[in-house]
N, C-alpha and C. Protein backbone atom coordinates (compact mmCIF):
# COMPACT_ATOMS: atom_id res chain seq x y z
N MET A 1 95.35 -28.45 136.42
CA MET A 1 94.70 -27.54 135.47
C MET A 1 94.25 -26.29 136.20
N MET A 2 94.56 -25.12 135.63
CA MET A 2 94.23 -23.86 136.27
C MET A 2 92.74 -23.57 136.14
N ALA A 3 92.20 -23.00 137.19
CA ALA A 3 90.79 -22.61 137.14
C ALA A 3 90.60 -21.47 136.17
N ALA A 4 89.43 -21.43 135.58
CA ALA A 4 89.14 -20.34 134.64
C ALA A 4 89.17 -19.01 135.37
N SER A 5 89.56 -17.98 134.65
CA SER A 5 89.63 -16.65 135.24
C SER A 5 88.27 -16.24 135.76
N ALA A 6 88.27 -15.64 136.92
CA ALA A 6 87.01 -15.21 137.52
C ALA A 6 86.40 -14.09 136.69
N THR A 7 85.13 -14.15 136.55
CA THR A 7 84.44 -13.08 135.83
C THR A 7 84.38 -11.85 136.71
N PRO A 8 84.28 -10.66 136.12
CA PRO A 8 84.20 -9.44 136.93
C PRO A 8 83.01 -9.48 137.87
N THR A 9 83.20 -8.98 139.07
CA THR A 9 82.09 -8.95 140.01
C THR A 9 81.06 -7.94 139.55
N THR A 10 79.86 -8.12 140.09
CA THR A 10 78.80 -7.18 139.75
C THR A 10 79.18 -5.76 140.12
N LEU A 11 79.90 -5.62 141.23
CA LEU A 11 80.31 -4.30 141.68
C LEU A 11 81.18 -3.60 140.65
N GLN A 12 81.97 -4.36 139.90
CA GLN A 12 82.87 -3.80 138.91
C GLN A 12 82.21 -3.66 137.55
N ARG A 13 80.98 -4.06 137.44
CA ARG A 13 80.29 -4.03 136.16
C ARG A 13 80.24 -2.60 135.61
N THR A 14 80.59 -2.46 134.36
CA THR A 14 80.56 -1.15 133.71
C THR A 14 79.33 -1.04 132.82
N PRO A 15 78.48 -0.06 133.07
CA PRO A 15 77.28 0.08 132.24
C PRO A 15 77.64 0.31 130.78
N ALA A 16 76.81 -0.20 129.89
CA ALA A 16 77.04 0.00 128.45
C ALA A 16 76.96 1.47 128.07
N LYS A 17 76.12 2.21 128.78
CA LYS A 17 76.04 3.66 128.58
C LYS A 17 75.63 4.31 129.89
N PRO A 18 75.97 5.57 130.09
CA PRO A 18 75.66 6.22 131.36
C PRO A 18 74.16 6.42 131.55
N PHE A 19 73.77 6.56 132.81
CA PHE A 19 72.40 6.95 133.11
C PHE A 19 72.42 8.44 133.40
N TYR A 20 71.63 9.19 132.66
CA TYR A 20 71.57 10.64 132.85
C TYR A 20 70.32 10.98 133.66
N PHE A 21 70.53 11.54 134.83
CA PHE A 21 69.42 11.92 135.70
C PHE A 21 68.80 13.23 135.21
N ASN A 22 67.53 13.17 134.93
CA ASN A 22 66.78 14.35 134.55
C ASN A 22 65.69 14.62 135.59
N THR A 23 65.10 15.76 135.49
CA THR A 23 63.91 16.06 136.26
C THR A 23 62.92 16.69 135.30
N SER A 24 61.74 17.03 135.77
CA SER A 24 60.77 17.61 134.86
C SER A 24 59.87 18.59 135.59
N ALA A 25 59.40 19.55 134.84
CA ALA A 25 58.42 20.51 135.34
C ALA A 25 57.14 20.31 134.55
N HIS A 26 56.03 20.48 135.22
CA HIS A 26 54.73 20.27 134.59
C HIS A 26 54.00 21.60 134.45
N LEU A 27 53.58 21.89 133.25
CA LEU A 27 52.76 23.06 133.00
C LEU A 27 51.31 22.59 132.96
N LEU A 28 50.64 22.75 134.09
CA LEU A 28 49.28 22.23 134.23
C LEU A 28 48.31 23.06 133.39
N ARG A 29 47.43 22.37 132.70
CA ARG A 29 46.38 23.05 131.92
C ARG A 29 45.05 22.37 132.20
N ILE A 30 44.01 23.17 132.20
CA ILE A 30 42.66 22.65 132.40
C ILE A 30 42.06 22.35 131.03
N THR A 31 41.56 21.15 130.86
CA THR A 31 40.96 20.76 129.59
C THR A 31 39.52 21.28 129.51
N LYS A 32 38.86 20.99 128.43
CA LYS A 32 37.47 21.42 128.28
C LYS A 32 36.49 20.52 129.02
N TYR A 33 36.98 19.44 129.60
CA TYR A 33 36.10 18.46 130.25
C TYR A 33 35.96 18.77 131.73
N LYS A 34 34.73 18.65 132.24
CA LYS A 34 34.46 18.86 133.66
C LYS A 34 33.23 18.06 134.04
N ALA A 35 33.03 17.92 135.35
CA ALA A 35 31.89 17.13 135.84
C ALA A 35 31.30 17.77 137.09
N ASN A 36 29.98 17.85 137.12
CA ASN A 36 29.26 18.32 138.30
C ASN A 36 28.42 17.23 138.93
N SER A 37 28.53 16.02 138.39
CA SER A 37 27.82 14.86 138.95
C SER A 37 28.58 13.61 138.53
N LEU A 38 28.22 12.49 139.11
CA LEU A 38 28.90 11.25 138.76
C LEU A 38 28.62 10.84 137.32
N SER A 39 27.41 11.10 136.84
CA SER A 39 27.09 10.80 135.45
C SER A 39 27.94 11.63 134.50
N GLU A 40 28.13 12.89 134.84
CA GLU A 40 28.98 13.75 134.02
C GLU A 40 30.44 13.32 134.09
N LEU A 41 30.87 12.83 135.25
CA LEU A 41 32.23 12.32 135.37
C LEU A 41 32.42 11.13 134.44
N LEU A 42 31.44 10.25 134.41
CA LEU A 42 31.50 9.07 133.54
C LEU A 42 31.56 9.49 132.07
N ASP A 43 30.73 10.42 131.67
CA ASP A 43 30.74 10.89 130.28
C ASP A 43 32.08 11.51 129.92
N ALA A 44 32.61 12.32 130.80
CA ALA A 44 33.89 12.98 130.53
C ALA A 44 35.03 11.98 130.46
N LEU A 45 34.98 10.96 131.31
CA LEU A 45 36.03 9.94 131.30
C LEU A 45 36.07 9.19 129.96
N ARG A 46 34.94 9.05 129.33
CA ARG A 46 34.90 8.35 128.05
C ARG A 46 35.56 9.16 126.93
N GLU A 47 35.63 10.48 127.09
CA GLU A 47 36.08 11.34 125.99
C GLU A 47 37.38 12.08 126.25
N CYS A 48 37.77 12.25 127.50
CA CYS A 48 38.94 13.08 127.81
C CYS A 48 40.22 12.45 127.26
N PRO A 49 41.26 13.24 127.02
CA PRO A 49 42.52 12.70 126.49
C PRO A 49 43.21 11.79 127.50
N GLU A 50 44.06 10.89 126.99
CA GLU A 50 44.73 9.93 127.87
C GLU A 50 45.64 10.61 128.88
N ASP A 51 46.27 11.71 128.49
CA ASP A 51 47.18 12.35 129.44
C ASP A 51 46.42 12.97 130.61
N SER A 52 45.12 13.18 130.45
CA SER A 52 44.31 13.66 131.56
C SER A 52 44.05 12.52 132.55
N VAL A 53 43.79 11.32 132.03
CA VAL A 53 43.64 10.14 132.90
C VAL A 53 44.94 9.91 133.67
N PHE A 54 46.06 10.01 132.97
CA PHE A 54 47.36 9.83 133.61
C PHE A 54 47.57 10.90 134.69
N GLN A 55 47.18 12.12 134.39
CA GLN A 55 47.32 13.23 135.33
C GLN A 55 46.63 12.94 136.66
N HIS A 56 45.44 12.41 136.59
CA HIS A 56 44.63 12.24 137.80
C HIS A 56 44.85 10.90 138.49
N THR A 57 45.76 10.11 137.98
CA THR A 57 46.11 8.83 138.63
C THR A 57 47.59 8.82 139.02
N PHE A 58 48.47 8.67 138.04
CA PHE A 58 49.91 8.59 138.34
C PHE A 58 50.45 9.89 138.94
N ARG A 59 50.08 11.03 138.38
CA ARG A 59 50.68 12.28 138.86
C ARG A 59 50.17 12.68 140.23
N THR A 60 49.04 12.15 140.62
CA THR A 60 48.57 12.38 141.98
C THR A 60 49.60 11.91 142.99
N LEU A 61 50.33 10.87 142.63
CA LEU A 61 51.33 10.32 143.54
C LEU A 61 52.44 11.31 143.82
N GLN A 62 52.77 12.16 142.83
CA GLN A 62 53.80 13.18 143.05
C GLN A 62 53.26 14.30 143.91
N GLU A 63 52.04 14.72 143.65
CA GLU A 63 51.46 15.84 144.39
C GLU A 63 51.29 15.51 145.87
N HIS A 64 51.05 14.22 146.17
CA HIS A 64 50.83 13.81 147.56
C HIS A 64 51.90 12.83 148.02
N HIS A 65 53.13 13.01 147.51
CA HIS A 65 54.17 12.02 147.75
C HIS A 65 54.54 11.90 149.21
N PHE A 66 54.23 12.91 150.01
CA PHE A 66 54.61 12.88 151.42
C PHE A 66 53.52 12.30 152.30
N ILE A 67 52.38 11.92 151.71
CA ILE A 67 51.26 11.38 152.47
C ILE A 67 51.26 9.86 152.38
N ARG A 68 51.25 9.20 153.51
CA ARG A 68 51.26 7.73 153.53
C ARG A 68 49.85 7.15 153.46
N GLU A 69 48.84 7.93 153.81
CA GLU A 69 47.49 7.42 153.84
C GLU A 69 46.60 8.27 152.94
N GLY A 70 45.44 7.75 152.60
CA GLY A 70 44.52 8.50 151.77
C GLY A 70 44.34 7.82 150.43
N PHE A 71 43.41 8.37 149.64
CA PHE A 71 43.11 7.75 148.36
C PHE A 71 44.19 8.05 147.34
N SER A 72 44.33 7.13 146.39
CA SER A 72 45.49 7.14 145.49
C SER A 72 45.26 7.89 144.19
N ASN A 73 44.05 8.35 143.92
CA ASN A 73 43.84 9.10 142.69
C ASN A 73 42.79 10.18 142.90
N ASP A 74 42.78 11.15 141.99
CA ASP A 74 41.90 12.31 142.15
C ASP A 74 40.42 11.94 142.02
N PHE A 75 40.12 10.92 141.22
CA PHE A 75 38.72 10.51 141.06
C PHE A 75 38.16 10.00 142.38
N ALA A 76 38.95 9.22 143.09
CA ALA A 76 38.52 8.71 144.39
C ALA A 76 38.37 9.84 145.40
N HIS A 77 39.32 10.79 145.40
CA HIS A 77 39.24 11.94 146.30
C HIS A 77 37.94 12.71 146.08
N TRP A 78 37.62 12.95 144.82
CA TRP A 78 36.43 13.74 144.47
C TRP A 78 35.15 13.00 144.83
N ALA A 79 35.12 11.69 144.58
CA ALA A 79 33.94 10.90 144.90
C ALA A 79 33.62 10.96 146.40
N LEU A 80 34.65 11.01 147.22
CA LEU A 80 34.43 11.07 148.66
C LEU A 80 34.15 12.50 149.12
N ALA A 81 35.06 13.42 148.77
CA ALA A 81 34.98 14.78 149.32
C ALA A 81 33.85 15.60 148.74
N GLN A 82 33.54 15.43 147.47
CA GLN A 82 32.55 16.29 146.82
C GLN A 82 31.23 15.59 146.52
N CYS A 83 31.24 14.26 146.49
CA CYS A 83 29.99 13.51 146.23
C CYS A 83 29.51 12.71 147.43
N ASN A 84 30.33 12.64 148.47
CA ASN A 84 29.99 11.91 149.69
C ASN A 84 29.61 10.46 149.39
N GLU A 85 30.44 9.83 148.56
CA GLU A 85 30.21 8.43 148.19
C GLU A 85 31.44 7.59 148.58
N PRO A 86 31.55 7.23 149.86
CA PRO A 86 32.74 6.50 150.31
C PRO A 86 32.90 5.13 149.65
N GLY A 87 31.78 4.46 149.36
CA GLY A 87 31.87 3.15 148.71
C GLY A 87 32.49 3.26 147.33
N LEU A 88 32.05 4.25 146.55
CA LEU A 88 32.62 4.46 145.22
C LEU A 88 34.07 4.90 145.34
N ALA A 89 34.35 5.76 146.30
CA ALA A 89 35.73 6.24 146.48
C ALA A 89 36.67 5.08 146.76
N GLU A 90 36.25 4.16 147.61
CA GLU A 90 37.09 3.01 147.92
C GLU A 90 37.29 2.12 146.71
N ALA A 91 36.24 1.96 145.91
CA ALA A 91 36.36 1.14 144.70
C ALA A 91 37.33 1.77 143.71
N LEU A 92 37.24 3.08 143.55
CA LEU A 92 38.15 3.78 142.63
C LEU A 92 39.58 3.76 143.16
N ALA A 93 39.73 3.88 144.47
CA ALA A 93 41.05 3.86 145.08
C ALA A 93 41.70 2.49 145.00
N SER A 94 40.89 1.44 144.82
CA SER A 94 41.43 0.08 144.77
C SER A 94 42.14 -0.22 143.45
N VAL A 95 42.00 0.64 142.47
CA VAL A 95 42.65 0.43 141.18
C VAL A 95 44.15 0.59 141.35
N ASP A 96 44.90 -0.46 141.07
CA ASP A 96 46.36 -0.45 141.16
C ASP A 96 46.92 -0.16 139.77
N VAL A 97 47.42 1.05 139.58
CA VAL A 97 47.87 1.45 138.24
C VAL A 97 49.03 0.61 137.73
N ARG A 98 49.74 -0.06 138.63
CA ARG A 98 50.87 -0.89 138.20
C ARG A 98 50.42 -2.10 137.40
N GLU A 99 49.15 -2.45 137.49
CA GLU A 99 48.65 -3.63 136.78
C GLU A 99 48.36 -3.35 135.31
N PHE A 100 48.44 -2.09 134.90
CA PHE A 100 48.03 -1.73 133.55
C PHE A 100 49.23 -1.37 132.68
N THR A 101 49.14 -1.76 131.40
CA THR A 101 50.21 -1.48 130.45
C THR A 101 49.79 -0.47 129.39
N SER A 102 48.63 0.12 129.56
CA SER A 102 48.20 1.21 128.69
C SER A 102 47.21 2.08 129.44
N VAL A 103 47.20 3.36 129.10
CA VAL A 103 46.26 4.28 129.74
C VAL A 103 44.83 3.94 129.33
N SER A 104 44.66 3.44 128.11
CA SER A 104 43.31 3.13 127.64
C SER A 104 42.67 2.03 128.49
N THR A 105 43.43 1.00 128.86
CA THR A 105 42.87 -0.05 129.70
C THR A 105 42.64 0.43 131.13
N LEU A 106 43.50 1.34 131.60
CA LEU A 106 43.29 1.95 132.91
C LEU A 106 42.00 2.76 132.89
N ARG A 107 41.80 3.52 131.83
CA ARG A 107 40.57 4.31 131.69
C ARG A 107 39.33 3.39 131.71
N GLU A 108 39.40 2.29 130.97
CA GLU A 108 38.27 1.37 130.90
C GLU A 108 37.94 0.78 132.25
N ARG A 109 38.95 0.52 133.05
CA ARG A 109 38.71 -0.03 134.39
C ARG A 109 37.98 0.98 135.27
N ILE A 110 38.40 2.23 135.21
CA ILE A 110 37.75 3.28 136.01
C ILE A 110 36.31 3.48 135.54
N ILE A 111 36.11 3.47 134.23
CA ILE A 111 34.76 3.60 133.67
C ILE A 111 33.88 2.45 134.13
N GLN A 112 34.43 1.24 134.12
CA GLN A 112 33.67 0.07 134.55
C GLN A 112 33.21 0.19 135.99
N ILE A 113 34.08 0.68 136.85
CA ILE A 113 33.73 0.87 138.26
C ILE A 113 32.58 1.87 138.40
N LEU A 114 32.68 2.97 137.67
CA LEU A 114 31.63 3.98 137.72
C LEU A 114 30.31 3.45 137.18
N GLU A 115 30.38 2.75 136.06
CA GLU A 115 29.16 2.19 135.46
C GLU A 115 28.47 1.23 136.42
N ASN A 116 29.23 0.34 137.01
CA ASN A 116 28.66 -0.64 137.93
C ASN A 116 28.04 0.03 139.16
N TYR A 117 28.72 1.07 139.64
CA TYR A 117 28.22 1.76 140.83
C TYR A 117 26.92 2.49 140.51
N LEU A 118 26.85 3.16 139.36
CA LEU A 118 25.65 3.91 139.00
C LEU A 118 24.49 2.98 138.68
N LYS A 119 24.77 1.76 138.26
CA LYS A 119 23.70 0.79 138.04
C LYS A 119 23.11 0.34 139.38
N SER A 120 23.98 0.22 140.37
CA SER A 120 23.52 -0.23 141.69
C SER A 120 22.85 0.89 142.48
N VAL A 121 23.26 2.14 142.22
CA VAL A 121 22.66 3.30 142.90
C VAL A 121 22.31 4.34 141.83
N PRO A 122 21.32 4.06 141.00
CA PRO A 122 21.04 4.91 139.84
C PRO A 122 20.68 6.36 140.17
N ASN A 123 20.07 6.60 141.31
CA ASN A 123 19.65 7.96 141.65
C ASN A 123 20.83 8.88 141.97
N MET A 124 22.01 8.30 142.18
CA MET A 124 23.18 9.12 142.52
C MET A 124 23.83 9.74 141.29
N GLY A 125 23.48 9.27 140.12
CA GLY A 125 24.15 9.74 138.91
C GLY A 125 23.99 11.21 138.66
N THR A 126 22.81 11.75 138.94
CA THR A 126 22.54 13.16 138.66
C THR A 126 22.60 14.04 139.90
N HIS A 127 22.91 13.44 141.04
CA HIS A 127 23.02 14.23 142.27
C HIS A 127 24.19 15.21 142.14
N PRO A 128 23.95 16.52 142.33
CA PRO A 128 25.03 17.50 142.12
C PRO A 128 26.15 17.37 143.15
N ALA A 129 27.35 17.46 142.66
CA ALA A 129 28.52 17.43 143.54
C ALA A 129 28.68 18.78 144.23
N ASP A 130 29.37 18.79 145.36
CA ASP A 130 29.60 20.05 146.07
C ASP A 130 30.49 20.99 145.27
N GLU A 131 31.46 20.41 144.56
CA GLU A 131 32.35 21.22 143.73
C GLU A 131 32.60 20.50 142.40
N THR A 132 32.89 21.28 141.38
CA THR A 132 33.12 20.74 140.04
C THR A 132 34.45 20.01 139.97
N PHE A 133 34.47 18.90 139.24
CA PHE A 133 35.73 18.22 138.93
C PHE A 133 36.20 18.72 137.57
N TYR A 134 37.38 19.32 137.54
CA TYR A 134 37.96 19.81 136.30
C TYR A 134 39.04 18.85 135.83
N PHE A 135 38.91 18.34 134.64
CA PHE A 135 39.91 17.44 134.08
C PHE A 135 41.12 18.26 133.62
N CYS A 136 42.26 17.90 134.16
CA CYS A 136 43.49 18.61 133.84
C CYS A 136 44.47 17.68 133.12
N ALA A 137 45.48 18.26 132.54
CA ALA A 137 46.58 17.52 131.93
C ALA A 137 47.83 18.37 132.07
N SER A 138 48.97 17.81 131.78
CA SER A 138 50.22 18.54 131.93
C SER A 138 51.06 18.47 130.67
N ASP A 139 51.65 19.60 130.33
CA ASP A 139 52.70 19.62 129.33
C ASP A 139 54.02 19.51 130.09
N ILE A 140 54.86 18.58 129.69
CA ILE A 140 56.08 18.26 130.44
C ILE A 140 57.28 18.96 129.83
N VAL A 141 58.06 19.60 130.69
CA VAL A 141 59.33 20.19 130.29
C VAL A 141 60.44 19.42 131.00
N VAL A 142 61.25 18.69 130.23
CA VAL A 142 62.32 17.87 130.81
C VAL A 142 63.56 18.72 131.01
N LEU A 143 64.14 18.63 132.20
CA LEU A 143 65.30 19.43 132.56
C LEU A 143 66.45 18.52 133.00
N PRO A 144 67.65 18.75 132.49
CA PRO A 144 68.79 17.91 132.93
C PRO A 144 69.24 18.31 134.33
N THR A 145 69.85 17.36 135.04
CA THR A 145 70.50 17.65 136.31
C THR A 145 72.01 17.50 136.12
N SER A 146 72.74 17.76 137.16
CA SER A 146 74.20 17.64 137.08
C SER A 146 74.68 16.23 137.38
N PHE A 147 73.76 15.30 137.60
CA PHE A 147 74.13 13.95 138.00
C PHE A 147 74.03 12.97 136.83
N GLU A 148 75.00 12.09 136.74
CA GLU A 148 74.96 11.01 135.76
C GLU A 148 75.66 9.79 136.33
N GLY A 149 75.28 8.63 135.83
CA GLY A 149 75.86 7.38 136.32
C GLY A 149 76.69 6.70 135.25
N ARG A 150 77.96 7.05 135.18
CA ARG A 150 78.87 6.37 134.24
C ARG A 150 79.37 5.06 134.82
N THR A 151 79.33 4.96 136.15
CA THR A 151 79.65 3.73 136.86
C THR A 151 78.50 3.44 137.81
N MET A 152 78.47 2.24 138.37
CA MET A 152 77.41 1.91 139.31
C MET A 152 77.53 2.74 140.59
N GLY A 153 78.75 3.08 140.96
CA GLY A 153 78.94 3.94 142.12
C GLY A 153 78.35 5.32 141.90
N GLU A 154 78.57 5.87 140.71
CA GLU A 154 77.99 7.17 140.39
C GLU A 154 76.47 7.11 140.32
N PHE A 155 75.96 5.98 139.84
CA PHE A 155 74.51 5.83 139.74
C PHE A 155 73.87 5.83 141.13
N THR A 156 74.41 5.05 142.05
CA THR A 156 73.84 5.01 143.40
C THR A 156 74.02 6.35 144.11
N GLU A 157 75.12 7.04 143.85
CA GLU A 157 75.31 8.36 144.45
C GLU A 157 74.30 9.35 143.88
N GLY A 158 74.03 9.24 142.59
CA GLY A 158 73.02 10.09 141.97
C GLY A 158 71.64 9.83 142.57
N LEU A 159 71.33 8.56 142.81
CA LEU A 159 70.05 8.23 143.43
C LEU A 159 69.89 8.91 144.79
N ARG A 160 71.00 8.99 145.53
CA ARG A 160 70.95 9.60 146.86
C ARG A 160 70.78 11.11 146.80
N ARG A 161 71.32 11.75 145.76
CA ARG A 161 71.43 13.20 145.77
C ARG A 161 70.41 13.94 144.93
N VAL A 162 69.80 13.29 143.96
CA VAL A 162 68.81 14.01 143.15
C VAL A 162 67.56 14.30 143.98
N SER A 163 66.74 15.23 143.51
CA SER A 163 65.51 15.57 144.21
C SER A 163 64.47 14.47 144.01
N VAL A 164 63.43 14.50 144.84
CA VAL A 164 62.36 13.53 144.68
C VAL A 164 61.62 13.76 143.36
N HIS A 165 61.72 14.97 142.82
CA HIS A 165 61.09 15.25 141.53
C HIS A 165 61.78 14.47 140.42
N SER A 166 63.08 14.29 140.55
CA SER A 166 63.82 13.48 139.58
C SER A 166 63.44 12.01 139.73
N ILE A 167 63.29 11.55 140.97
CA ILE A 167 62.85 10.18 141.21
C ILE A 167 61.49 9.96 140.57
N HIS A 168 60.59 10.90 140.76
CA HIS A 168 59.26 10.79 140.16
C HIS A 168 59.35 10.76 138.64
N HIS A 169 60.18 11.61 138.08
CA HIS A 169 60.32 11.69 136.62
C HIS A 169 60.74 10.35 136.03
N HIS A 170 61.73 9.71 136.65
CA HIS A 170 62.27 8.47 136.09
C HIS A 170 61.48 7.23 136.52
N PHE A 171 60.85 7.29 137.68
CA PHE A 171 60.21 6.08 138.20
C PHE A 171 58.71 6.02 137.90
N ILE A 172 58.06 7.16 137.86
CA ILE A 172 56.61 7.18 137.65
C ILE A 172 56.24 7.85 136.33
N GLU A 173 56.75 9.05 136.11
CA GLU A 173 56.43 9.76 134.87
C GLU A 173 56.83 8.95 133.64
N ALA A 174 57.93 8.24 133.72
CA ALA A 174 58.43 7.47 132.59
C ALA A 174 57.44 6.39 132.14
N ARG A 175 56.55 5.99 133.03
CA ARG A 175 55.62 4.91 132.68
C ARG A 175 54.69 5.31 131.54
N LEU A 176 54.36 6.59 131.43
CA LEU A 176 53.54 7.02 130.30
C LEU A 176 54.34 6.93 129.01
N ARG A 177 55.60 7.34 129.07
CA ARG A 177 56.46 7.28 127.89
C ARG A 177 56.76 5.83 127.50
N LEU A 178 56.88 4.96 128.49
CA LEU A 178 57.20 3.55 128.23
C LEU A 178 55.94 2.69 128.20
N LYS A 179 54.80 3.32 128.02
CA LYS A 179 53.51 2.61 127.94
C LYS A 179 53.21 1.83 129.21
N LEU A 180 53.60 2.40 130.37
CA LEU A 180 53.29 1.88 131.69
C LEU A 180 53.97 0.56 132.02
N MET A 181 54.83 0.06 131.15
CA MET A 181 55.38 -1.28 131.35
C MET A 181 56.59 -1.31 132.28
N SER A 182 57.24 -0.17 132.49
CA SER A 182 58.44 -0.19 133.30
C SER A 182 58.75 1.22 133.77
N ASN A 183 60.00 1.46 134.13
CA ASN A 183 60.47 2.78 134.51
C ASN A 183 61.89 2.94 134.01
N ASP A 184 62.40 4.15 134.00
CA ASP A 184 63.72 4.41 133.43
C ASP A 184 64.83 3.66 134.15
N PHE A 185 64.75 3.58 135.48
CA PHE A 185 65.79 2.89 136.24
C PHE A 185 65.84 1.41 135.88
N SER A 186 64.67 0.77 135.87
CA SER A 186 64.62 -0.66 135.55
C SER A 186 65.07 -0.92 134.12
N GLN A 187 64.64 -0.08 133.21
CA GLN A 187 65.03 -0.28 131.82
C GLN A 187 66.55 -0.20 131.65
N TRP A 188 67.16 0.78 132.31
CA TRP A 188 68.62 0.94 132.22
C TRP A 188 69.35 -0.23 132.89
N LEU A 189 68.89 -0.61 134.08
CA LEU A 189 69.54 -1.73 134.77
C LEU A 189 69.46 -3.02 133.96
N HIS A 190 68.34 -3.22 133.28
CA HIS A 190 68.17 -4.43 132.47
C HIS A 190 68.97 -4.36 131.17
N GLU A 191 68.82 -3.28 130.43
CA GLU A 191 69.39 -3.21 129.08
C GLU A 191 70.87 -2.84 129.07
N ASP A 192 71.30 -1.99 129.99
CA ASP A 192 72.66 -1.45 129.91
C ASP A 192 73.60 -1.96 131.00
N VAL A 193 73.04 -2.60 132.03
CA VAL A 193 73.88 -3.12 133.11
C VAL A 193 73.76 -4.63 133.22
N GLY A 194 72.64 -5.19 132.80
CA GLY A 194 72.45 -6.63 132.89
C GLY A 194 71.94 -7.10 134.24
N LEU A 195 71.42 -6.16 135.05
CA LEU A 195 70.88 -6.53 136.35
C LEU A 195 69.37 -6.72 136.22
N THR A 196 68.98 -7.78 135.54
CA THR A 196 67.57 -7.99 135.21
C THR A 196 66.72 -8.23 136.44
N GLU A 197 67.21 -9.00 137.40
CA GLU A 197 66.42 -9.29 138.59
C GLU A 197 66.23 -8.02 139.42
N ALA A 198 67.26 -7.20 139.54
CA ALA A 198 67.12 -5.94 140.25
C ALA A 198 66.11 -5.04 139.55
N ALA A 199 66.13 -5.06 138.23
CA ALA A 199 65.16 -4.27 137.46
C ALA A 199 63.74 -4.72 137.77
N ARG A 200 63.53 -6.03 137.86
CA ARG A 200 62.20 -6.55 138.18
C ARG A 200 61.77 -6.15 139.59
N LYS A 201 62.69 -6.19 140.53
CA LYS A 201 62.36 -5.84 141.90
C LYS A 201 61.96 -4.37 142.00
N LEU A 202 62.63 -3.51 141.24
CA LEU A 202 62.25 -2.10 141.24
C LEU A 202 60.82 -1.92 140.76
N ASN A 203 60.44 -2.67 139.75
CA ASN A 203 59.08 -2.56 139.22
C ASN A 203 58.03 -3.01 140.22
N ARG A 204 58.44 -3.79 141.22
CA ARG A 204 57.48 -4.29 142.21
C ARG A 204 57.36 -3.39 143.44
N ILE A 205 58.10 -2.30 143.47
CA ILE A 205 58.02 -1.39 144.62
C ILE A 205 56.61 -0.81 144.72
N ASP A 206 56.06 -0.83 145.92
CA ASP A 206 54.70 -0.34 146.14
C ASP A 206 54.71 1.18 146.18
N ILE A 207 54.16 1.80 145.16
CA ILE A 207 54.17 3.26 145.08
C ILE A 207 52.99 3.89 145.82
N TYR A 208 52.14 3.06 146.42
CA TYR A 208 50.98 3.59 147.13
C TYR A 208 51.25 3.78 148.62
N THR A 209 51.89 2.82 149.22
CA THR A 209 52.13 2.90 150.66
C THR A 209 53.49 3.51 150.98
N SER A 210 54.19 4.01 149.96
CA SER A 210 55.50 4.60 150.15
C SER A 210 55.51 6.04 149.66
N THR A 211 56.20 6.92 150.38
CA THR A 211 56.44 8.26 149.87
C THR A 211 57.53 8.17 148.80
N LEU A 212 57.73 9.23 148.05
CA LEU A 212 58.80 9.21 147.05
C LEU A 212 60.17 9.07 147.71
N GLU A 213 60.31 9.60 148.90
CA GLU A 213 61.58 9.42 149.62
C GLU A 213 61.76 7.95 150.00
N ASP A 214 60.68 7.29 150.41
CA ASP A 214 60.74 5.86 150.69
C ASP A 214 61.10 5.08 149.42
N VAL A 215 60.50 5.48 148.31
CA VAL A 215 60.80 4.82 147.03
C VAL A 215 62.28 4.96 146.70
N ARG A 216 62.82 6.15 146.89
CA ARG A 216 64.26 6.36 146.66
C ARG A 216 65.10 5.38 147.47
N GLN A 217 64.78 5.27 148.77
CA GLN A 217 65.57 4.41 149.65
C GLN A 217 65.43 2.94 149.25
N GLN A 218 64.24 2.52 148.82
CA GLN A 218 64.06 1.14 148.38
C GLN A 218 64.85 0.86 147.11
N ILE A 219 64.87 1.81 146.19
CA ILE A 219 65.65 1.64 144.96
C ILE A 219 67.12 1.48 145.30
N ILE A 220 67.61 2.34 146.17
CA ILE A 220 69.03 2.28 146.55
C ILE A 220 69.36 0.93 147.18
N ARG A 221 68.50 0.45 148.09
CA ARG A 221 68.76 -0.84 148.74
C ARG A 221 68.79 -1.98 147.73
N ILE A 222 67.85 -1.98 146.80
CA ILE A 222 67.81 -3.05 145.79
C ILE A 222 69.06 -3.03 144.93
N VAL A 223 69.47 -1.85 144.50
CA VAL A 223 70.65 -1.74 143.64
C VAL A 223 71.90 -2.14 144.42
N GLU A 224 72.05 -1.67 145.65
CA GLU A 224 73.24 -2.01 146.43
C GLU A 224 73.33 -3.51 146.70
N ARG A 225 72.21 -4.13 147.00
CA ARG A 225 72.23 -5.58 147.22
C ARG A 225 72.62 -6.33 145.96
N ALA A 226 72.20 -5.83 144.80
CA ALA A 226 72.55 -6.46 143.54
C ALA A 226 74.05 -6.31 143.22
N LEU A 227 74.67 -5.34 143.85
CA LEU A 227 76.08 -5.06 143.58
C LEU A 227 77.03 -5.78 144.52
N THR A 228 76.48 -6.53 145.49
CA THR A 228 77.35 -7.22 146.44
C THR A 228 77.61 -8.65 146.01
């Protein structure tokens, strides 16, 4: 009896639809919310728009993508540099944004940290900061690139050649659009290629201890290993 025909290898897998590499530009705007003390920061955090919370957490990773050390969000930076509160800064920096599936729950976690800290050190709430914290947000302009992945080979080549801004757009920026649950690369690998385990591994990449260039290389390694 003849053996059943071999199924196509993963390397030969044809995506259900191409992956189109985009990039994005951010038009930064200052909102009406600002803080000159930790108490004012807490009040503003309760009322500011969600895209402002996203701006000062996820987008910080793009602005400092080449830095391997330091605090991971703007709130932690400000608490240390302008309020001289290293304990609070470390607590705010300990928030891992990958654990959250909505900006509202991320906001609540940051608020909780501030509330607990001000209860333990109540006199610090009204102590004036050295500089004002201005809550910002971004209007996003999505721009196409010349790269697309109609095959897995084209996809990996696109990963190598696009700018780190494109990597940020699909890997980090997309989390706001996808309600923080995934990223564009993982979603495409899962839904259109069937590489579910590779998609999960991408979601586990540490975006804090890696630069965006490191993230690119880790994505490429995971995808290439899945194709062998």
